[in-house]
Amino acid sequence: MYSLFDFAFQPPTRTVYVVSEEQLGKLKLTQKENEVKETKAQLEQLEAAYDRRKSELVDLLANLETEVKKLEPSKDG
């Protein structure tokens, strides 16, 4: 039976996988394709967030300009 002491001082076990160059190339390609998909998704999210924020600011500016016009003294009197 192993104790916590044995587990703590046991050398780390490492797993080694042996793959062919073709398999390694396919794995690298798959990883890069996934990275491209993830980056595109992040870009789309960023652009959507930018568009939402820009729309909010345009609306806010329009409301503020309307309020300023209401508060300005009339030039007639």
N, C-alpha and C. Protein backbone atom coordinates (compact mmCIF):
# COMPACT_ATOMS: atom_id res chain seq x y z
N MET A 1 0.84 -1.17 0.00
CA MET A 1 0.00 0.00 0.00
C MET A 1 0.89 1.24 0.00
N TYR A 2 0.51 2.23 -0.80
CA TYR A 2 1.29 3.46 -0.91
C TYR A 2 0.79 4.48 0.08
N SER A 3 1.71 5.25 0.58
CA SER A 3 1.34 6.34 1.48
C SER A 3 1.52 7.66 0.75
N LEU A 4 1.09 8.72 1.37
CA LEU A 4 1.25 10.05 0.79
C LEU A 4 2.74 10.38 0.66
N PHE A 5 3.54 9.89 1.57
CA PHE A 5 4.98 10.10 1.51
C PHE A 5 5.57 9.47 0.25
N ASP A 6 5.16 8.22 -0.05
CA ASP A 6 5.64 7.54 -1.26
C ASP A 6 5.23 8.31 -2.51
N PHE A 7 4.00 8.79 -2.53
CA PHE A 7 3.49 9.52 -3.69
C PHE A 7 4.26 10.82 -3.89
N ALA A 8 4.57 11.51 -2.79
CA ALA A 8 5.23 12.81 -2.87
C ALA A 8 6.67 12.68 -3.38
N PHE A 9 7.34 11.60 -3.04
CA PHE A 9 8.75 11.47 -3.41
C PHE A 9 8.99 10.51 -4.56
N GLN A 10 7.93 10.08 -5.20
CA GLN A 10 8.07 9.22 -6.37
C GLN A 10 8.45 10.09 -7.57
N PRO A 11 9.40 9.66 -8.37
CA PRO A 11 9.77 10.48 -9.53
C PRO A 11 8.58 10.59 -10.48
N PRO A 12 8.45 11.74 -11.15
CA PRO A 12 7.32 11.93 -12.06
C PRO A 12 7.37 10.93 -13.22
N THR A 13 6.22 10.44 -13.57
CA THR A 13 6.11 9.51 -14.68
C THR A 13 5.74 10.29 -15.93
N ARG A 14 6.44 10.06 -16.98
CA ARG A 14 6.17 10.75 -18.24
C ARG A 14 5.78 9.74 -19.28
N THR A 15 4.78 10.11 -20.06
CA THR A 15 4.33 9.25 -21.14
C THR A 15 4.92 9.76 -22.44
N VAL A 16 5.45 8.85 -23.20
CA VAL A 16 6.05 9.21 -24.49
C VAL A 16 5.22 8.56 -25.58
N TYR A 17 4.82 9.37 -26.55
CA TYR A 17 4.07 8.85 -27.70
C TYR A 17 4.98 8.88 -28.91
N VAL A 18 4.98 7.80 -29.65
CA VAL A 18 5.77 7.72 -30.87
C VAL A 18 4.80 7.76 -32.04
N VAL A 19 4.98 8.75 -32.91
CA VAL A 19 4.12 8.90 -34.08
C VAL A 19 4.98 9.10 -35.32
N SER A 20 4.40 8.81 -36.44
CA SER A 20 5.14 8.99 -37.69
C SER A 20 5.15 10.47 -38.07
N GLU A 21 6.02 10.82 -39.00
CA GLU A 21 6.08 12.21 -39.47
C GLU A 21 4.75 12.62 -40.09
N GLU A 22 4.11 11.70 -40.79
CA GLU A 22 2.82 11.99 -41.43
C GLU A 22 1.76 12.29 -40.37
N GLN A 23 1.73 11.48 -39.32
CA GLN A 23 0.77 11.72 -38.25
C GLN A 23 1.06 13.04 -37.53
N LEU A 24 2.34 13.32 -37.33
CA LEU A 24 2.72 14.58 -36.69
C LEU A 24 2.30 15.77 -37.55
N GLY A 25 2.50 15.65 -38.85
CA GLY A 25 2.10 16.72 -39.76
C GLY A 25 0.59 16.93 -39.73
N LYS A 26 -0.17 15.83 -39.71
CA LYS A 26 -1.63 15.95 -39.65
C LYS A 26 -2.07 16.59 -38.34
N LEU A 27 -1.41 16.21 -37.27
CA LEU A 27 -1.74 16.79 -35.96
C LEU A 27 -1.45 18.29 -35.94
N LYS A 28 -0.30 18.68 -36.47
CA LYS A 28 0.04 20.10 -36.52
C LYS A 28 -0.96 20.87 -37.39
N LEU A 29 -1.34 20.28 -38.52
CA LEU A 29 -2.32 20.91 -39.40
C LEU A 29 -3.65 21.08 -38.69
N THR A 30 -4.08 20.06 -38.00
CA THR A 30 -5.35 20.13 -37.26
C THR A 30 -5.29 21.20 -36.18
N GLN A 31 -4.18 21.27 -35.47
CA GLN A 31 -4.03 22.29 -34.43
C GLN A 31 -4.06 23.69 -35.03
N LYS A 32 -3.39 23.89 -36.14
CA LYS A 32 -3.37 25.21 -36.78
C LYS A 32 -4.75 25.58 -37.31
N GLU A 33 -5.47 24.59 -37.87
CA GLU A 33 -6.82 24.85 -38.36
C GLU A 33 -7.74 25.26 -37.21
N ASN A 34 -7.59 24.57 -36.08
CA ASN A 34 -8.39 24.92 -34.91
C ASN A 34 -8.04 26.31 -34.40
N GLU A 35 -6.76 26.65 -34.45
CA GLU A 35 -6.33 27.98 -34.03
C GLU A 35 -6.90 29.06 -34.94
N VAL A 36 -6.94 28.77 -36.25
CA VAL A 36 -7.51 29.72 -37.21
C VAL A 36 -9.00 29.91 -36.92
N LYS A 37 -9.73 28.81 -36.68
CA LYS A 37 -11.17 28.90 -36.38
C LYS A 37 -11.41 29.71 -35.12
N GLU A 38 -10.61 29.45 -34.11
CA GLU A 38 -10.76 30.15 -32.84
C GLU A 38 -10.47 31.64 -33.00
N THR A 39 -9.44 31.96 -33.75
CA THR A 39 -9.07 33.36 -33.97
C THR A 39 -10.17 34.08 -34.76
N LYS A 40 -10.71 33.41 -35.77
CA LYS A 40 -11.81 34.01 -36.54
C LYS A 40 -13.02 34.26 -35.65
N ALA A 41 -13.34 33.31 -34.78
CA ALA A 41 -14.47 33.46 -33.87
C ALA A 41 -14.24 34.64 -32.92
N GLN A 42 -13.02 34.76 -32.41
CA GLN A 42 -12.69 35.88 -31.52
C GLN A 42 -12.81 37.20 -32.26
N LEU A 43 -12.37 37.22 -33.52
CA LEU A 43 -12.45 38.44 -34.32
C LEU A 43 -13.91 38.83 -34.54
N GLU A 44 -14.76 37.85 -34.84
CA GLU A 44 -16.17 38.14 -35.04
C GLU A 44 -16.81 38.66 -33.76
N GLN A 45 -16.45 38.07 -32.62
CA GLN A 45 -16.99 38.54 -31.35
C GLN A 45 -16.53 39.96 -31.06
N LEU A 46 -15.28 40.24 -31.35
CA LEU A 46 -14.74 41.58 -31.13
C LEU A 46 -15.44 42.60 -32.01
N GLU A 47 -15.65 42.26 -33.27
CA GLU A 47 -16.31 43.19 -34.19
C GLU A 47 -17.76 43.41 -33.76
N ALA A 48 -18.44 42.36 -33.30
CA ALA A 48 -19.82 42.50 -32.84
C ALA A 48 -19.88 43.40 -31.60
N ALA A 49 -18.96 43.20 -30.68
CA ALA A 49 -18.92 44.03 -29.48
C ALA A 49 -18.63 45.49 -29.85
N TYR A 50 -17.73 45.69 -30.79
CA TYR A 50 -17.41 47.05 -31.25
C TYR A 50 -18.65 47.70 -31.86
N ASP A 51 -19.35 46.96 -32.72
CA ASP A 51 -20.54 47.51 -33.37
C ASP A 51 -21.63 47.86 -32.34
N ARG A 52 -21.80 46.98 -31.33
CA ARG A 52 -22.80 47.26 -30.30
C ARG A 52 -22.43 48.52 -29.52
N ARG A 53 -21.18 48.62 -29.14
CA ARG A 53 -20.73 49.79 -28.36
C ARG A 53 -20.83 51.06 -29.19
N LYS A 54 -20.48 50.98 -30.46
CA LYS A 54 -20.56 52.15 -31.34
C LYS A 54 -22.01 52.60 -31.46
N SER A 55 -22.92 51.66 -31.62
CA SER A 55 -24.34 51.99 -31.71
C SER A 55 -24.83 52.65 -30.42
N GLU A 56 -24.41 52.12 -29.27
CA GLU A 56 -24.79 52.71 -27.99
C GLU A 56 -24.29 54.15 -27.89
N LEU A 57 -23.06 54.38 -28.30
CA LEU A 57 -22.50 55.73 -28.21
C LEU A 57 -23.18 56.70 -29.17
N VAL A 58 -23.54 56.23 -30.36
CA VAL A 58 -24.25 57.09 -31.32
C VAL A 58 -25.60 57.48 -30.75
N ASP A 59 -26.31 56.51 -30.16
CA ASP A 59 -27.61 56.80 -29.55
C ASP A 59 -27.47 57.78 -28.39
N LEU A 60 -26.46 57.56 -27.55
CA LEU A 60 -26.22 58.46 -26.42
C LEU A 60 -25.92 59.87 -26.91
N LEU A 61 -25.09 59.97 -27.92
CA LEU A 61 -24.76 61.29 -28.47
C LEU A 61 -26.00 61.99 -29.01
N ALA A 62 -26.85 61.25 -29.71
CA ALA A 62 -28.08 61.85 -30.24
C ALA A 62 -28.97 62.34 -29.10
N ASN A 63 -29.09 61.54 -28.06
CA ASN A 63 -29.92 61.96 -26.92
C ASN A 63 -29.33 63.19 -26.23
N LEU A 64 -28.04 63.22 -26.06
CA LEU A 64 -27.40 64.36 -25.42
C LEU A 64 -27.56 65.63 -26.26
N GLU A 65 -27.41 65.51 -27.56
CA GLU A 65 -27.57 66.68 -28.42
C GLU A 65 -29.00 67.20 -28.36
N THR A 66 -29.98 66.29 -28.28
CA THR A 66 -31.37 66.69 -28.16
C THR A 66 -31.60 67.43 -26.84
N GLU A 67 -31.03 66.91 -25.76
CA GLU A 67 -31.17 67.55 -24.46
C GLU A 67 -30.50 68.92 -24.44
N VAL A 68 -29.35 69.04 -25.09
CA VAL A 68 -28.66 70.33 -25.15
C VAL A 68 -29.51 71.34 -25.89
N LYS A 69 -30.12 70.94 -26.99
CA LYS A 69 -30.97 71.87 -27.75
C LYS A 69 -32.17 72.32 -26.93
N LYS A 70 -32.72 71.40 -26.10
CA LYS A 70 -33.86 71.77 -25.27
C LYS A 70 -33.45 72.76 -24.18
N LEU A 71 -32.24 72.64 -23.70
CA LEU A 71 -31.78 73.49 -22.60
C LEU A 71 -31.20 74.83 -23.06
N GLU A 72 -30.87 74.96 -24.32
CA GLU A 72 -30.30 76.22 -24.81
C GLU A 72 -31.38 77.30 -24.77
N PRO A 73 -30.99 78.51 -24.41
CA PRO A 73 -31.98 79.59 -24.42
C PRO A 73 -32.37 79.90 -25.87
N SER A 74 -33.63 80.27 -26.01
CA SER A 74 -34.10 80.59 -27.37
C SER A 74 -33.49 81.90 -27.83
N LYS A 75 -33.26 82.03 -29.12
CA LYS A 75 -32.60 83.22 -29.69
C LYS A 75 -33.65 84.28 -30.04
N ASP A 76 -34.91 83.93 -29.92
CA ASP A 76 -35.97 84.88 -30.29
C ASP A 76 -36.10 86.04 -29.29
N GLY A 77 -35.88 85.78 -28.03
CA GLY A 77 -36.19 86.77 -27.02
C GLY A 77 -35.03 87.54 -26.57
